[in-house]
Amino acid sequence: MGNSILIVDDEEDTRRSLTDLLSQQGYTVNTASDGHRAVTALEEGGADLVILDLNMPDMTGLSVLRRLQGRRPGLPVIAISAYASKEMKLELLQEGARSFFPKPIDIDALLEEISSILKRDEEKK
């Protein structure tokens, strides 16, 4: 595969479990524990897709999404959260997120979504 995924979540357990899972699937995985580190990581190393938690202490996921889209328009972002209203989900999609997954995450559905997004983006190139 070789695609690079950036996981942005303030919960270490979530970062670790997603990293293990995605690495086993052949993805190159980088992580960030907050929004500022996510923006820096994207600038320094890039990513083909971002998995972004909405509830973080320093910047909201929506703020991070806006900054990422400002720097890399069209960058695929999958938002995740244990707490998100219907209105927040709609706003995320309007701001450029490709999809939303509630926590706990349905791993099979997440893997399918990642594969689908990356395949569509590759076909566009």
C-alpha atoms as a PDB file:
ATOM      1  CA  MET A   1       0.000   0.000   0.000  1.00  0.00           C
ATOM      2  CA  GLY A   2       2.495   2.581   1.170  1.00  0.00           C
ATOM      3  CA  ASN A   3      -0.073   5.275   1.947  1.00  0.00           C
ATOM      4  CA  SER A   4       0.639   7.545   4.899  1.00  0.00           C
ATOM      5  CA  ILE A   5      -1.973   8.208   7.573  1.00  0.00           C
ATOM      6  CA  LEU A   6      -1.795  10.832  10.304  1.00  0.00           C
ATOM      7  CA  ILE A   7      -3.769  10.006  13.461  1.00  0.00           C
ATOM      8  CA  VAL A   8      -4.667  13.037  15.585  1.00  0.00           C
ATOM      9  CA  ASP A   9      -6.101  12.200  19.000  1.00  0.00           C
ATOM     10  CA  ASP A  10      -5.283  13.312  22.528  1.00  0.00           C
ATOM     11  CA  GLU A  11      -6.008   9.807  23.859  1.00  0.00           C
ATOM     12  CA  GLU A  12      -2.845   7.725  23.812  1.00  0.00           C
ATOM     13  CA  ASP A  13      -4.769   4.422  23.803  1.00  0.00           C
ATOM     14  CA  THR A  14      -6.677   5.442  20.673  1.00  0.00           C
ATOM     15  CA  ARG A  15      -3.494   6.556  18.909  1.00  0.00           C
ATOM     16  CA  ARG A  16      -1.725   3.334  19.841  1.00  0.00           C
ATOM     17  CA  SER A  17      -4.541   0.967  18.865  1.00  0.00           C
ATOM     18  CA  LEU A  18      -5.173   2.722  15.530  1.00  0.00           C
ATOM     19  CA  THR A  19      -1.433   2.816  14.816  1.00  0.00           C
ATOM     20  CA  ASP A  20      -1.103  -0.928  15.451  1.00  0.00           C
ATOM     21  CA  LEU A  21      -4.164  -1.731  13.348  1.00  0.00           C
ATOM     22  CA  LEU A  22      -3.232   0.467  10.389  1.00  0.00           C
ATOM     23  CA  SER A  23       0.435  -0.562  10.449  1.00  0.00           C
ATOM     24  CA  GLN A  24      -0.658  -4.198  10.224  1.00  0.00           C
ATOM     25  CA  GLN A  25      -2.645  -3.234   7.124  1.00  0.00           C
ATOM     26  CA  GLY A  26       0.509  -1.868   5.478  1.00  0.00           C
ATOM     27  CA  TYR A  27      -0.015   1.846   6.051  1.00  0.00           C
ATOM     28  CA  THR A  28       2.727   4.192   7.221  1.00  0.00           C
ATOM     29  CA  VAL A  29       1.337   5.818  10.354  1.00  0.00           C
ATOM     30  CA  ASN A  30       2.309   9.016  12.146  1.00  0.00           C
ATOM     31  CA  THR A  31       0.535  10.427  15.169  1.00  0.00           C
ATOM     32  CA  ALA A  32      -0.112  13.757  16.840  1.00  0.00           C
ATOM     33  CA  SER A  33      -1.530  14.250  20.319  1.00  0.00           C
ATOM     34  CA  ASP A  34      -3.000  17.693  19.641  1.00  0.00           C
ATOM     35  CA  GLY A  35      -3.973  20.079  16.885  1.00  0.00           C
ATOM     36  CA  HIS A  36      -0.768  22.099  16.830  1.00  0.00           C
ATOM     37  CA  ARG A  37       1.330  18.948  16.505  1.00  0.00           C
ATOM     38  CA  ALA A  38      -0.987  17.754  13.727  1.00  0.00           C
ATOM     39  CA  VAL A  39      -0.433  20.900  11.668  1.00  0.00           C
ATOM     40  CA  THR A  40       3.330  20.658  12.234  1.00  0.00           C
ATOM     41  CA  ALA A  41       3.382  16.948  11.355  1.00  0.00           C
ATOM     42  CA  LEU A  42       1.511  17.612   8.142  1.00  0.00           C
ATOM     43  CA  GLU A  43       3.903  20.389   7.173  1.00  0.00           C
ATOM     44  CA  GLU A  44       6.980  18.309   7.988  1.00  0.00           C
ATOM     45  CA  GLY A  45       6.015  14.937   6.612  1.00  0.00           C
ATOM     46  CA  GLY A  46       2.706  15.130   4.873  1.00  0.00           C
ATOM     47  CA  ALA A  47       0.019  12.482   4.858  1.00  0.00           C
ATOM     48  CA  ASP A  48      -2.343  10.909   2.362  1.00  0.00           C
ATOM     49  CA  LEU A  49      -5.195  10.820   4.894  1.00  0.00           C
ATOM     50  CA  VAL A  50      -5.887  12.163   8.394  1.00  0.00           C
ATOM     51  CA  ILE A  51      -7.956  10.560  11.144  1.00  0.00           C
ATOM     52  CA  LEU A  52      -8.958  13.459  13.379  1.00  0.00           C
ATOM     53  CA  ASP A  53     -10.528  13.428  16.837  1.00  0.00           C
ATOM     54  CA  LEU A  54     -12.919  16.319  17.454  1.00  0.00           C
ATOM     55  CA  ASN A  55     -12.481  16.783  21.185  1.00  0.00           C
ATOM     56  CA  MET A  56      -8.957  17.825  22.092  1.00  0.00           C
ATOM     57  CA  PRO A  57      -7.751  20.228  24.766  1.00  0.00           C
ATOM     58  CA  ASP A  58      -5.802  22.759  22.689  1.00  0.00           C
ATOM     59  CA  MET A  59      -7.743  23.088  19.439  1.00  0.00           C
ATOM     60  CA  THR A  60     -11.081  21.640  18.451  1.00  0.00           C
ATOM     61  CA  GLY A  61     -11.092  19.109  15.663  1.00  0.00           C
ATOM     62  CA  LEU A  62     -13.084  21.572  13.575  1.00  0.00           C
ATOM     63  CA  SER A  63     -10.337  24.206  13.971  1.00  0.00           C
ATOM     64  CA  VAL A  64      -7.700  21.658  13.020  1.00  0.00           C
ATOM     65  CA  LEU A  65      -9.768  20.563  10.014  1.00  0.00           C
ATOM     66  CA  ARG A  66     -10.013  24.157   8.791  1.00  0.00           C
ATOM     67  CA  ARG A  67      -6.253  24.676   9.152  1.00  0.00           C
ATOM     68  CA  LEU A  68      -5.443  21.405   7.405  1.00  0.00           C
ATOM     69  CA  GLN A  69      -7.824  22.184   4.546  1.00  0.00           C
ATOM     70  CA  GLY A  70      -6.333  25.675   4.292  1.00  0.00           C
ATOM     71  CA  ARG A  71      -2.861  24.214   3.862  1.00  0.00           C
ATOM     72  CA  ARG A  72      -3.831  21.167   1.780  1.00  0.00           C
ATOM     73  CA  PRO A  73      -7.247  21.624   0.156  1.00  0.00           C
ATOM     74  CA  GLY A  74      -8.875  18.285  -0.541  1.00  0.00           C
ATOM     75  CA  LEU A  75      -6.775  16.381   1.998  1.00  0.00           C
ATOM     76  CA  PRO A  76      -8.929  13.414   3.035  1.00  0.00           C
ATOM     77  CA  VAL A  77      -9.959  13.701   6.670  1.00  0.00           C
ATOM     78  CA  ILE A  78     -11.999  11.182   8.636  1.00  0.00           C
ATOM     79  CA  ALA A  79     -13.393  12.725  11.816  1.00  0.00           C
ATOM     80  CA  ILE A  80     -13.891  10.627  14.942  1.00  0.00           C
ATOM     81  CA  SER A  81     -15.496  11.446  18.277  1.00  0.00           C
ATOM     82  CA  ALA A  82     -17.337   9.994  21.226  1.00  0.00           C
ATOM     83  CA  TYR A  83     -19.375  13.193  21.439  1.00  0.00           C
ATOM     84  CA  ALA A  84     -20.698  14.894  18.335  1.00  0.00           C
ATOM     85  CA  SER A  85     -24.077  16.374  17.597  1.00  0.00           C
ATOM     86  CA  LYS A  86     -25.863  15.979  14.297  1.00  0.00           C
ATOM     87  CA  GLU A  87     -25.134  19.669  13.608  1.00  0.00           C
ATOM     88  CA  MET A  88     -21.412  19.179  14.292  1.00  0.00           C
ATOM     89  CA  LYS A  89     -21.264  16.224  11.910  1.00  0.00           C
ATOM     90  CA  LEU A  90     -22.922  18.306   9.194  1.00  0.00           C
ATOM     91  CA  GLU A  91     -20.513  21.195   9.773  1.00  0.00           C
ATOM     92  CA  LEU A  92     -17.535  18.824   9.567  1.00  0.00           C
ATOM     93  CA  LEU A  93     -18.692  17.498   6.226  1.00  0.00           C
ATOM     94  CA  GLN A  94     -19.293  21.035   4.958  1.00  0.00           C
ATOM     95  CA  GLU A  95     -15.764  22.000   6.027  1.00  0.00           C
ATOM     96  CA  GLY A  96     -14.196  19.151   4.082  1.00  0.00           C
ATOM     97  CA  ALA A  97     -14.225  16.015   6.223  1.00  0.00           C
ATOM     98  CA  ARG A  98     -14.928  12.973   4.061  1.00  0.00           C
ATOM     99  CA  SER A  99     -16.715  11.017   6.764  1.00  0.00           C
ATOM    100  CA  PHE A 100     -17.407  10.696  10.476  1.00  0.00           C
ATOM    101  CA  PHE A 101     -17.082   7.714  12.812  1.00  0.00           C
ATOM    102  CA  PRO A 102     -18.414   7.659  16.368  1.00  0.00           C
ATOM    103  CA  LYS A 103     -16.279   6.144  19.128  1.00  0.00           C
ATOM    104  CA  PRO A 104     -16.010   3.300  19.781  1.00  0.00           C
ATOM    105  CA  ILE A 105     -14.979   2.967  16.169  1.00  0.00           C
ATOM    106  CA  ASP A 106     -16.304   0.186  13.944  1.00  0.00           C
ATOM    107  CA  ILE A 107     -12.868  -0.989  12.821  1.00  0.00           C
ATOM    108  CA  ASP A 108     -14.036  -2.941   9.766  1.00  0.00           C
ATOM    109  CA  ALA A 109     -16.045   0.042   8.518  1.00  0.00           C
ATOM    110  CA  LEU A 110     -13.107   2.383   9.164  1.00  0.00           C
ATOM    111  CA  LEU A 111     -10.695   0.175   7.212  1.00  0.00           C
ATOM    112  CA  GLU A 112     -13.165  -0.041   4.343  1.00  0.00           C
ATOM    113  CA  GLU A 113     -13.634   3.747   4.325  1.00  0.00           C
ATOM    114  CA  ILE A 114      -9.877   4.407   4.360  1.00  0.00           C
ATOM    115  CA  SER A 115      -9.316   2.011   1.479  1.00  0.00           C
ATOM    116  CA  SER A 116     -12.184   3.508  -0.505  1.00  0.00           C
ATOM    117  CA  ILE A 117     -11.056   7.117   0.010  1.00  0.00           C
ATOM    118  CA  LEU A 118      -7.441   6.397  -0.900  1.00  0.00           C
ATOM    119  CA  LYS A 119      -8.463   4.397  -3.970  1.00  0.00           C
ATOM    120  CA  ARG A 120     -10.765   7.202  -5.213  1.00  0.00           C
ATOM    121  CA  ASP A 121      -8.067   9.812  -4.650  1.00  0.00           C
ATOM    122  CA  GLU A 122      -5.487   7.693  -6.476  1.00  0.00           C
ATOM    123  CA  GLU A 123      -7.826   7.279  -9.442  1.00  0.00           C
ATOM    124  CA  LYS A 124      -8.205  11.061  -9.662  1.00  0.00           C
ATOM    125  CA  LYS A 125      -4.453  11.533 -10.113  1.00  0.00           C
END
